[in-house]
Amino acid sequence: AGPSRIDGVIPWRQNSLFSAAFQSTSKFRSTQLHANVSAVPDGLCWVSILSCLLLACSYVGSLYVWKSDLPRDHPAVIKRRFTSVLIVSALSPLFVWAWKEFTGIQPGPSLLALMGIRLEGLIPAIILPLLLTMVLFLGPLIQLTMDCPWGFIDGIKVVVDPCFWTLCLSDMRWLRNQVVAPLTEELVFRACMLPMLVPCAGPSTAIFTCPLFFGVAHFHHVIELLRFRQGTVSGIFLSAVFQFSYTAVFGAYTAFIFIRTGHLVGPVLCHSFCNYMGFPALGTALDHPNRLTILSFYVLGVVLFFLLLFPMTDPLFYGLPTPVCTLTSTHGSICS
């Protein structure tokens, strides 16, 4: 007896027809998504790089429009800088719009979606990238827990206490480090720059190009350290080089998250968390009474981080393809 038939179609033949139809539909959808960006205009890379450079200069320059002899941590200086940097950040989408009009690139997703402001996949974008970053900081978190004088219940009580949050929100340095800086920097240096860089360089190259603007932007701290003589000249420049390296690596990580998830909220939360944690205090860990335990968690955190990096940022959780990935015809492993 031959193969059984369902509605006159041999089963293996039916499966092959479904497969061919699925591949044809996927190919058509991909072609539609990238039809408007397949032809890269001449000079696109120069326009994109100059636009990003202008945007970075506008952001950093806004910090110095105020004349003051006070240090950067003074509440009056912080409040003034809040005003100027929030204005630049609010205007930053205009850079992307002007770039889009000038280059003639007409992406399928809206401008807000390209910048990671959308509802699809929002809940995973809030939870998963932050959890992944906490895994990376597993060692420092264990060390912080061991050294904390509070118990778990006491910590929960503090977190849910309105007085605690009132105190935080009234602290200008806390607002700067945990709210304003993460939000504005990720909006400007990730959400606005990556849509301009991806069509030119591709997702993978854009991940490592975008942080260069972010790292260089942090060199302005050298001016203030030299101005207020907070250390030797060589020490200040060594510190600046280290900060550039650290911020560039961090910028590549949040750029990776932005492209993989297509959301702004994930990079903002990770940025705020990293600002709170600071650079891991390896020296303190080496001198800790429980250093073997802590160092084991340091290693475990790094290993788990690299194992979970792609699974926890899988675009399937956030809506495939993510908006910024529609700007390139070559996806690679970053966008899929």
Protein backbone atom coordinates (compact mmCIF):
# COMPACT_ATOMS: atom_id res chain seq x y z
CA ALA A 1 0.00 0.00 0.00
CA GLY A 2 1.28 3.49 -0.83
CA PRO A 3 1.46 6.43 1.56
CA SER A 4 -1.86 7.52 3.06
CA ARG A 5 -3.42 10.67 1.65
CA ILE A 6 -5.17 13.55 3.40
CA ASP A 7 -7.35 15.70 1.12
CA GLY A 8 -5.54 14.15 -1.81
CA VAL A 9 -2.04 15.30 -0.73
CA ILE A 10 0.72 12.83 0.20
CA PRO A 11 1.97 13.75 3.76
CA TRP A 12 5.63 14.29 2.87
CA ARG A 13 4.55 16.33 -0.12
CA GLN A 14 2.23 18.36 2.13
CA ASN A 15 5.07 19.13 4.56
CA SER A 16 7.35 20.22 1.75
CA LEU A 17 4.63 22.52 0.41
CA PHE A 18 4.15 24.10 3.87
CA SER A 19 7.93 24.54 4.19
CA ALA A 20 8.22 26.15 0.77
CA ALA A 21 5.28 28.45 1.51
CA PHE A 22 6.77 29.46 4.88
CA GLN A 23 10.18 30.20 3.36
CA SER A 24 8.57 32.16 0.54
CA THR A 25 6.51 34.22 3.02
CA SER A 26 9.54 34.88 5.25
CA LYS A 27 11.62 35.91 2.25
CA PHE A 28 8.87 38.24 1.04
CA ARG A 29 8.51 39.80 4.53
CA SER A 30 12.26 40.30 4.81
CA THR A 31 12.37 41.84 1.33
CA GLN A 32 9.57 44.23 2.23
CA LEU A 33 11.25 45.23 5.49
CA HIS A 34 14.58 45.99 3.86
CA ALA A 35 13.39 47.28 0.49
CA ASN A 36 13.84 50.89 1.51
CA VAL A 37 17.35 50.47 2.92
CA SER A 38 18.93 47.96 0.54
CA ALA A 39 20.49 50.69 -1.60
CA VAL A 40 22.92 52.61 0.62
CA PRO A 41 23.21 56.24 -0.56
CA ASP A 42 26.66 57.54 -1.47
CA GLY A 43 28.37 59.26 1.45
CA LEU A 44 25.99 57.72 3.99
CA CYS A 45 28.79 56.77 6.38
CA TRP A 46 30.21 60.29 6.43
CA VAL A 47 26.78 61.79 7.07
CA SER A 48 26.10 59.26 9.84
CA ILE A 49 29.45 59.77 11.57
CA LEU A 50 29.25 63.56 11.37
CA SER A 51 25.67 63.47 12.69
CA CYS A 52 26.76 61.32 15.65
CA LEU A 53 29.75 63.57 16.31
CA LEU A 54 27.56 66.67 16.26
CA LEU A 55 25.08 65.02 18.59
CA ALA A 56 27.83 63.99 21.03
CA CYS A 57 29.33 67.50 20.99
CA SER A 58 25.90 69.02 21.60
CA TYR A 59 25.35 66.75 24.60
CA VAL A 60 28.75 67.45 26.20
CA GLY A 61 28.68 71.12 25.23
CA SER A 62 25.35 71.58 27.00
CA LEU A 63 27.11 70.78 30.29
CA TYR A 64 29.36 73.83 29.90
CA VAL A 65 26.93 76.54 28.82
CA TRP A 66 26.71 77.59 32.47
CA LYS A 67 29.50 79.72 33.92
CA SER A 68 30.39 78.49 37.41
CA ASP A 69 33.37 78.15 39.72
CA LEU A 70 31.66 75.37 41.64
CA PRO A 71 32.58 71.65 41.28
CA ARG A 72 30.37 69.29 39.26
CA ASP A 73 28.86 67.65 42.36
CA HIS A 74 27.48 70.90 43.75
CA PRO A 75 23.64 70.79 43.75
CA ALA A 76 23.39 74.13 41.92
CA VAL A 77 25.67 72.89 39.12
CA ILE A 78 23.76 69.61 38.86
CA LYS A 79 20.40 71.40 38.59
CA ARG A 80 21.64 73.69 35.81
CA ARG A 81 23.13 70.79 33.91
CA PHE A 82 19.86 68.88 34.27
CA THR A 83 18.13 71.72 32.41
CA SER A 84 20.56 71.91 29.50
CA VAL A 85 21.10 68.18 29.05
CA LEU A 86 17.36 67.45 29.15
CA ILE A 87 16.78 70.08 26.44
CA VAL A 88 19.45 68.51 24.21
CA SER A 89 18.05 65.03 24.86
CA ALA A 90 14.52 66.17 24.02
CA LEU A 91 15.81 67.62 20.73
CA SER A 92 18.01 64.63 19.88
CA PRO A 93 15.29 62.77 17.89
CA LEU A 94 15.42 65.71 15.47
CA PHE A 95 18.96 64.65 14.56
CA VAL A 96 17.66 61.21 13.54
CA TRP A 97 14.75 62.73 11.63
CA ALA A 98 17.06 65.19 9.81
CA TRP A 99 19.49 62.36 9.02
CA LYS A 100 16.63 60.25 7.64
CA GLU A 101 15.35 63.10 5.46
CA PHE A 102 18.82 64.05 4.22
CA THR A 103 19.89 60.51 3.29
CA GLY A 104 16.51 59.54 1.84
CA ILE A 105 16.34 56.34 3.90
CA GLN A 106 12.71 55.50 4.59
CA PRO A 107 12.54 52.68 7.17
CA GLY A 108 9.37 50.70 7.77
CA PRO A 109 9.16 51.25 11.57
CA SER A 110 8.29 54.65 13.01
CA LEU A 111 10.95 57.02 14.34
CA LEU A 112 9.99 56.22 17.95
CA ALA A 113 10.18 52.47 17.28
CA LEU A 114 13.65 52.86 15.76
CA MET A 115 14.68 54.65 18.95
CA GLY A 116 13.44 51.78 21.10
CA ILE A 117 10.25 53.43 22.32
CA ARG A 118 7.54 50.83 21.66
CA LEU A 119 5.18 48.47 23.48
CA GLU A 120 5.91 45.11 21.79
CA GLY A 121 8.13 42.98 24.05
CA LEU A 122 8.25 45.70 26.72
CA ILE A 123 7.96 43.41 29.78
CA PRO A 124 10.83 41.08 28.77
CA ALA A 125 12.88 44.18 27.87
CA ILE A 126 12.43 45.51 31.41
CA ILE A 127 13.30 42.24 33.16
CA LEU A 128 15.76 40.14 31.13
CA PRO A 129 18.61 42.60 30.34
CA LEU A 130 18.67 43.78 33.97
CA LEU A 131 18.78 40.19 35.23
CA LEU A 132 21.60 39.43 32.80
CA THR A 133 23.59 42.41 34.11
CA MET A 134 23.00 41.32 37.69
CA VAL A 135 24.38 37.90 36.77
CA LEU A 136 27.57 39.60 35.55
CA PHE A 137 27.79 41.42 38.90
CA LEU A 138 27.12 38.25 40.90
CA GLY A 139 30.46 38.49 42.73
CA PRO A 140 30.07 42.15 43.78
CA LEU A 141 26.44 41.51 44.79
CA ILE A 142 27.47 38.59 47.03
CA GLN A 143 30.24 40.73 48.52
CA LEU A 144 27.78 43.57 49.12
CA THR A 145 25.35 41.16 50.80
CA MET A 146 28.06 39.77 53.09
CA ASP A 147 29.18 43.24 54.17
CA CYS A 148 25.67 44.68 54.57
CA PRO A 149 24.66 45.08 58.25
CA TRP A 150 20.99 44.66 57.36
CA GLY A 151 19.14 41.40 57.12
CA PHE A 152 16.99 40.50 54.11
CA ILE A 153 13.74 41.55 55.80
CA ASP A 154 15.25 44.86 56.91
CA GLY A 155 16.39 45.52 53.34
CA ILE A 156 12.89 44.88 51.99
CA LYS A 157 11.45 47.27 54.58
CA VAL A 158 13.86 49.99 53.48
CA VAL A 159 13.06 49.49 49.78
CA VAL A 160 9.28 49.78 50.30
CA ASP A 161 9.59 52.73 52.70
CA PRO A 162 8.37 55.96 50.96
CA CYS A 163 10.74 58.00 53.13
CA PHE A 164 13.70 56.17 51.56
CA TRP A 165 12.61 57.12 48.03
CA THR A 166 11.79 60.68 49.10
CA LEU A 167 15.33 60.99 50.42
CA CYS A 168 16.77 59.57 47.17
CA LEU A 169 14.71 61.86 44.95
CA SER A 170 15.80 64.90 46.96
CA ASP A 171 19.48 64.01 46.46
CA MET A 172 20.76 65.70 43.28
CA ARG A 173 23.70 63.32 42.91
CA TRP A 174 21.42 60.28 43.18
CA LEU A 175 19.05 61.73 40.59
CA ARG A 176 21.97 62.42 38.26
CA ASN A 177 23.61 59.02 38.59
CA GLN A 178 20.53 56.80 38.72
CA VAL A 179 17.95 58.63 36.60
CA VAL A 180 19.03 61.56 34.43
CA ALA A 181 22.43 60.33 33.24
CA PRO A 182 21.27 56.80 32.32
CA LEU A 183 18.13 58.07 30.57
CA THR A 184 19.71 60.91 28.60
CA GLU A 185 22.96 59.11 27.72
CA GLU A 186 21.21 55.99 26.48
CA LEU A 187 18.71 58.09 24.52
CA VAL A 188 21.43 60.14 22.83
CA PHE A 189 24.29 57.65 22.49
CA ARG A 190 22.30 54.50 21.78
CA ALA A 191 18.71 55.22 20.71
CA CYS A 192 19.65 58.10 18.39
CA MET A 193 23.10 57.07 17.16
CA LEU A 194 22.57 53.38 16.41
CA PRO A 195 19.77 53.94 13.84
CA MET A 196 22.16 56.27 12.01
CA LEU A 197 25.15 53.91 12.20
CA VAL A 198 23.54 50.53 11.45
CA PRO A 199 22.62 51.23 7.76
CA CYS A 200 26.19 52.34 7.12
CA ALA A 201 28.29 49.93 9.18
CA GLY A 202 25.96 47.03 9.90
CA PRO A 203 24.82 45.91 13.38
CA SER A 204 28.06 44.25 14.50
CA THR A 205 30.35 47.14 13.55
CA ALA A 206 27.88 49.71 14.90
CA ILE A 207 28.01 48.03 18.31
CA PHE A 208 31.74 48.78 18.55
CA THR A 209 31.62 52.16 16.77
CA CYS A 210 28.85 53.77 18.81
CA PRO A 211 30.68 53.43 22.18
CA LEU A 212 33.63 55.46 20.85
CA PHE A 213 31.44 58.57 20.86
CA PHE A 214 30.25 57.63 24.35
CA GLY A 215 33.78 57.06 25.66
CA VAL A 216 35.20 60.25 24.18
CA ALA A 217 32.25 62.19 25.63
CA HIS A 218 33.44 61.22 29.13
CA PHE A 219 36.82 62.87 28.57
CA HIS A 220 35.27 66.17 29.61
CA HIS A 221 35.77 65.07 33.23
CA VAL A 222 39.51 65.67 32.68
CA ILE A 223 38.82 69.38 32.27
CA GLU A 224 37.15 69.63 35.68
CA LEU A 225 39.76 67.47 37.44
CA LEU A 226 42.55 69.66 36.06
CA ARG A 227 40.61 72.82 36.79
CA PHE A 228 40.09 71.97 40.45
CA ARG A 229 43.53 70.29 40.76
CA GLN A 230 42.05 66.99 41.94
CA GLY A 231 45.22 64.93 41.50
CA THR A 232 48.41 64.99 39.46
CA VAL A 233 48.29 65.54 35.69
CA SER A 234 49.57 62.03 34.94
CA GLY A 235 47.16 60.50 37.43
CA ILE A 236 44.21 62.38 35.95
CA PHE A 237 45.03 61.29 32.39
CA LEU A 238 45.54 57.66 33.46
CA SER A 239 42.17 57.80 35.17
CA ALA A 240 40.65 59.27 31.99
CA VAL A 241 42.11 56.49 29.83
CA PHE A 242 40.74 53.87 32.22
CA GLN A 243 37.33 55.55 32.25
CA PHE A 244 37.31 55.73 28.45
CA SER A 245 38.09 52.01 28.22
CA TYR A 246 35.47 51.08 30.81
CA THR A 247 32.74 53.29 29.31
CA ALA A 248 33.54 52.05 25.79
CA VAL A 249 33.16 48.41 26.84
CA PHE A 250 29.97 49.23 28.74
CA GLY A 251 28.69 51.22 25.76
CA ALA A 252 29.26 48.22 23.47
CA TYR A 253 27.26 46.07 25.89
CA THR A 254 24.26 48.42 26.03
CA ALA A 255 24.45 48.90 22.24
CA PHE A 256 24.28 45.10 21.92
CA ILE A 257 21.23 45.04 24.20
CA PHE A 258 19.56 47.85 22.26
CA ILE A 259 20.01 46.13 18.89
CA ARG A 260 19.01 42.69 20.18
CA THR A 261 15.93 43.86 22.10
CA GLY A 262 14.94 46.93 20.10
CA HIS A 263 14.09 48.71 23.35
CA LEU A 264 15.54 51.73 25.15
CA VAL A 265 14.36 50.68 28.62
CA GLY A 266 16.79 47.75 28.95
CA PRO A 267 19.97 49.81 28.40
CA VAL A 268 18.65 52.56 30.71
CA LEU A 269 18.01 50.13 33.59
CA CYS A 270 21.37 48.38 33.07
CA HIS A 271 23.12 51.76 33.00
CA SER A 272 21.44 52.85 36.23
CA PHE A 273 22.32 49.55 37.91
CA CYS A 274 25.98 49.76 36.83
CA ASN A 275 26.19 53.36 38.06
CA TYR A 276 24.98 52.14 41.44
CA MET A 277 27.38 49.21 41.60
CA GLY A 278 30.42 51.01 40.18
CA PHE A 279 33.48 49.17 38.87
CA PRO A 280 33.95 45.82 40.71
CA ALA A 281 36.26 46.28 43.72
CA LEU A 282 38.58 43.36 43.02
CA GLY A 283 41.18 44.68 45.47
CA THR A 284 38.66 44.64 48.29
CA ALA A 285 37.52 41.16 47.28
CA LEU A 286 41.11 39.87 47.46
CA ASP A 287 41.46 41.24 51.00
CA HIS A 288 38.06 40.00 52.16
CA PRO A 289 37.96 37.28 54.89
CA ASN A 290 35.68 35.23 52.60
CA ARG A 291 37.69 35.95 49.45
CA LEU A 292 37.53 32.37 48.10
CA THR A 293 33.75 32.40 48.22
CA ILE A 294 33.49 35.88 46.73
CA LEU A 295 36.03 35.20 43.97
CA SER A 296 34.21 31.99 43.11
CA PHE A 297 31.03 33.99 42.59
CA TYR A 298 32.99 36.52 40.51
CA VAL A 299 34.08 33.72 38.17
CA LEU A 300 30.65 32.05 38.20
CA GLY A 301 28.97 35.35 37.32
CA VAL A 302 31.25 35.96 34.33
CA VAL A 303 30.82 32.39 33.04
CA LEU A 304 27.02 32.49 33.39
CA PHE A 305 26.92 35.94 31.79
CA PHE A 306 28.59 34.72 28.58
CA LEU A 307 26.46 31.57 28.53
CA LEU A 308 23.24 33.58 28.90
CA LEU A 309 24.21 36.61 26.79
CA PHE A 310 22.54 35.48 23.57
CA PRO A 311 19.67 33.38 25.02
CA MET A 312 18.43 36.17 27.32
CA THR A 313 18.61 38.78 24.55
CA ASP A 314 17.02 36.59 21.87
CA PRO A 315 14.98 38.93 19.60
CA LEU A 316 12.13 36.37 19.69
CA PHE A 317 11.29 37.68 23.18
CA TYR A 318 11.04 41.27 21.96
CA GLY A 319 9.53 41.04 18.46
CA LEU A 320 11.50 39.73 15.49
CA PRO A 321 13.02 41.56 13.71
CA THR A 322 13.77 44.42 16.08
CA PRO A 323 13.18 47.85 14.44
CA VAL A 324 16.81 48.89 14.14
CA CYS A 325 17.64 45.59 12.43
CA THR A 326 15.27 46.47 9.59
CA LEU A 327 17.76 49.18 8.61
CA THR A 328 20.24 46.63 7.25
CA SER A 329 19.98 43.86 4.69
CA THR A 330 22.70 41.79 6.39
CA HIS A 331 21.46 40.56 9.76
CA GLY A 332 24.12 38.15 10.95
CA SER A 333 23.88 36.58 14.40
CA ILE A 334 23.29 39.91 16.17
CA CYS A 335 19.82 40.46 14.78
CA SER A 336 18.59 36.86 14.83
